[in-house]
Amino acid sequence: MISAVHLLIYSDDPEATRSFLRDVLGWGYVEEPDVPGWLIFKSGPSELGVHPTHQTHRGVTYDNPEKQDYGFTVMLHVPGADDVMLYEPLHPIAHSL
């Protein structure tokens, strides 16, 4: 069962982006114990929308699950979209703060 969505923001200045989320928006966070300064934020309830395209695609395919340093992952090749990574985290989680 998928219990949450983990959103990634790619930043040219991750320290500034993390400071904004922490200090301006006031989001709670946990820190990755193996990577000081790597913050994982609680962003509240999540929603996911899918906007239509003008193409027809076949069903989802996926790679074999793999163990990474941060969790167990599987890449889904979603029709008409970029790949989606599903993972079970091994790091502290923020959504239960």
C-alpha atoms as a PDB file:
ATOM      1  CA  MET A   1       0.000   0.000   0.000  1.00  0.00           C
ATOM      2  CA  ILE A   2       1.352   3.414  -0.933  1.00  0.00           C
ATOM      3  CA  SER A   3       0.969   5.677   2.096  1.00  0.00           C
ATOM      4  CA  ALA A   4       2.572   8.936   0.948  1.00  0.00           C
ATOM      5  CA  VAL A   5       4.163  10.833  -1.907  1.00  0.00           C
ATOM      6  CA  HIS A   6       7.810  11.950  -1.656  1.00  0.00           C
ATOM      7  CA  LEU A   7       8.349  15.033  -3.821  1.00  0.00           C
ATOM      8  CA  LEU A   8      11.850  15.950  -4.971  1.00  0.00           C
ATOM      9  CA  ILE A   9      12.881  19.519  -5.803  1.00  0.00           C
ATOM     10  CA  TYR A  10      16.091  19.824  -7.794  1.00  0.00           C
ATOM     11  CA  SER A  11      17.885  23.053  -6.830  1.00  0.00           C
ATOM     12  CA  ASP A  12      21.009  24.891  -7.947  1.00  0.00           C
ATOM     13  CA  ASP A  13      21.281  26.148  -4.346  1.00  0.00           C
ATOM     14  CA  PRO A  14      19.841  23.374  -2.138  1.00  0.00           C
ATOM     15  CA  GLU A  15      20.888  25.107   1.092  1.00  0.00           C
ATOM     16  CA  ALA A  16      18.877  28.220   0.168  1.00  0.00           C
ATOM     17  CA  THR A  17      15.901  26.121  -0.940  1.00  0.00           C
ATOM     18  CA  ARG A  18      15.970  24.134   2.319  1.00  0.00           C
ATOM     19  CA  SER A  19      16.252  27.376   4.315  1.00  0.00           C
ATOM     20  CA  PHE A  20      13.184  28.753   2.523  1.00  0.00           C
ATOM     21  CA  LEU A  21      11.113  25.636   3.243  1.00  0.00           C
ATOM     22  CA  ARG A  22      12.298  25.520   6.869  1.00  0.00           C
ATOM     23  CA  ASP A  23      12.445  29.220   7.831  1.00  0.00           C
ATOM     24  CA  VAL A  24       9.885  30.941   5.609  1.00  0.00           C
ATOM     25  CA  LEU A  25       7.229  28.251   5.161  1.00  0.00           C
ATOM     26  CA  GLY A  26       7.930  26.784   8.595  1.00  0.00           C
ATOM     27  CA  TRP A  27       7.709  23.180   7.446  1.00  0.00           C
ATOM     28  CA  GLY A  28       8.768  20.551   9.971  1.00  0.00           C
ATOM     29  CA  TYR A  29      11.589  18.264   8.948  1.00  0.00           C
ATOM     30  CA  VAL A  30      13.835  15.392   9.885  1.00  0.00           C
ATOM     31  CA  GLU A  31      17.531  15.303   9.030  1.00  0.00           C
ATOM     32  CA  GLU A  32      19.144  12.420   7.179  1.00  0.00           C
ATOM     33  CA  PRO A  33      21.487  11.002   9.842  1.00  0.00           C
ATOM     34  CA  ASP A  34      24.184   9.956   7.368  1.00  0.00           C
ATOM     35  CA  VAL A  35      24.184  13.259   5.435  1.00  0.00           C
ATOM     36  CA  PRO A  36      24.242  16.320   7.741  1.00  0.00           C
ATOM     37  CA  GLY A  37      22.180  19.193   6.349  1.00  0.00           C
ATOM     38  CA  TRP A  38      20.035  16.932   4.159  1.00  0.00           C
ATOM     39  CA  LEU A  39      16.540  17.804   5.365  1.00  0.00           C
ATOM     40  CA  ILE A  40      13.370  15.835   4.598  1.00  0.00           C
ATOM     41  CA  PHE A  41      10.314  18.068   5.017  1.00  0.00           C
ATOM     42  CA  LYS A  42       6.787  17.346   6.123  1.00  0.00           C
ATOM     43  CA  SER A  43       4.635  18.963   3.471  1.00  0.00           C
ATOM     44  CA  GLY A  44       1.191  18.056   4.755  1.00  0.00           C
ATOM     45  CA  PRO A  45      -1.488  16.080   2.914  1.00  0.00           C
ATOM     46  CA  SER A  46      -0.616  15.388  -0.685  1.00  0.00           C
ATOM     47  CA  GLU A  47      -2.563  15.136  -3.886  1.00  0.00           C
ATOM     48  CA  LEU A  48      -1.625  13.934  -7.339  1.00  0.00           C
ATOM     49  CA  GLY A  49      -3.262  15.118 -10.534  1.00  0.00           C
ATOM     50  CA  VAL A  50      -2.816  13.685 -14.033  1.00  0.00           C
ATOM     51  CA  HIS A  51      -3.422  16.012 -16.964  1.00  0.00           C
ATOM     52  CA  PRO A  52      -4.399  14.518 -20.315  1.00  0.00           C
ATOM     53  CA  THR A  53      -2.204  14.360 -23.375  1.00  0.00           C
ATOM     54  CA  HIS A  54      -3.087  13.646 -26.970  1.00  0.00           C
ATOM     55  CA  GLN A  55      -1.367  10.278 -27.216  1.00  0.00           C
ATOM     56  CA  THR A  56      -2.258   6.641 -26.604  1.00  0.00           C
ATOM     57  CA  HIS A  57       0.187   4.471 -24.685  1.00  0.00           C
ATOM     58  CA  ARG A  58       0.463   0.897 -23.440  1.00  0.00           C
ATOM     59  CA  GLY A  59       0.474  -0.218 -19.793  1.00  0.00           C
ATOM     60  CA  VAL A  60       3.054   0.335 -17.081  1.00  0.00           C
ATOM     61  CA  THR A  61       6.253  -1.668 -17.028  1.00  0.00           C
ATOM     62  CA  TYR A  62       8.762  -1.709 -14.191  1.00  0.00           C
ATOM     63  CA  ASP A  63      12.319  -2.671 -13.336  1.00  0.00           C
ATOM     64  CA  ASN A  64      13.347  -5.123 -10.657  1.00  0.00           C
ATOM     65  CA  PRO A  65      13.300  -3.626  -7.138  1.00  0.00           C
ATOM     66  CA  GLU A  66      16.695  -2.505  -5.839  1.00  0.00           C
ATOM     67  CA  LYS A  67      18.113  -1.686  -2.419  1.00  0.00           C
ATOM     68  CA  GLN A  68      19.632   1.808  -2.266  1.00  0.00           C
ATOM     69  CA  ASP A  69      21.297   3.550   0.695  1.00  0.00           C
ATOM     70  CA  TYR A  70      18.045   5.456   1.373  1.00  0.00           C
ATOM     71  CA  GLY A  71      15.501   2.672   0.765  1.00  0.00           C
ATOM     72  CA  PHE A  72      14.090  -0.016  -1.496  1.00  0.00           C
ATOM     73  CA  THR A  73      13.200   1.318  -4.948  1.00  0.00           C
ATOM     74  CA  VAL A  74      11.395   0.284  -8.097  1.00  0.00           C
ATOM     75  CA  MET A  75      11.191   2.383 -11.261  1.00  0.00           C
ATOM     76  CA  LEU A  76       7.800   2.465 -12.977  1.00  0.00           C
ATOM     77  CA  HIS A  77       7.752   3.309 -16.665  1.00  0.00           C
ATOM     78  CA  VAL A  78       4.437   5.144 -16.777  1.00  0.00           C
ATOM     79  CA  PRO A  79       2.607   5.457 -20.106  1.00  0.00           C
ATOM     80  CA  GLY A  80       2.967   8.947 -21.555  1.00  0.00           C
ATOM     81  CA  ALA A  81       5.032  10.292 -18.626  1.00  0.00           C
ATOM     82  CA  ASP A  82       8.509  10.308 -17.164  1.00  0.00           C
ATOM     83  CA  ASP A  83       9.527   7.351 -15.032  1.00  0.00           C
ATOM     84  CA  VAL A  84       8.256   7.308 -11.446  1.00  0.00           C
ATOM     85  CA  MET A  85      10.320   5.929  -8.583  1.00  0.00           C
ATOM     86  CA  LEU A  86       8.454   4.182  -5.804  1.00  0.00           C
ATOM     87  CA  TYR A  87      10.403   3.520  -2.662  1.00  0.00           C
ATOM     88  CA  GLU A  88      10.166   2.313   0.891  1.00  0.00           C
ATOM     89  CA  PRO A  89      12.421   4.628   2.901  1.00  0.00           C
ATOM     90  CA  LEU A  90      15.128   3.449   5.264  1.00  0.00           C
ATOM     91  CA  HIS A  91      15.761   7.031   6.462  1.00  0.00           C
ATOM     92  CA  PRO A  92      13.690   8.893   9.079  1.00  0.00           C
ATOM     93  CA  ILE A  93      10.344  10.031   7.691  1.00  0.00           C
ATOM     94  CA  ALA A  94       8.815  13.471   8.222  1.00  0.00           C
ATOM     95  CA  HIS A  95       5.156  12.896   7.372  1.00  0.00           C
ATOM     96  CA  SER A  96       4.401  11.530  10.842  1.00  0.00           C
ATOM     97  CA  LEU A  97       5.707  14.641  12.673  1.00  0.00           C
END
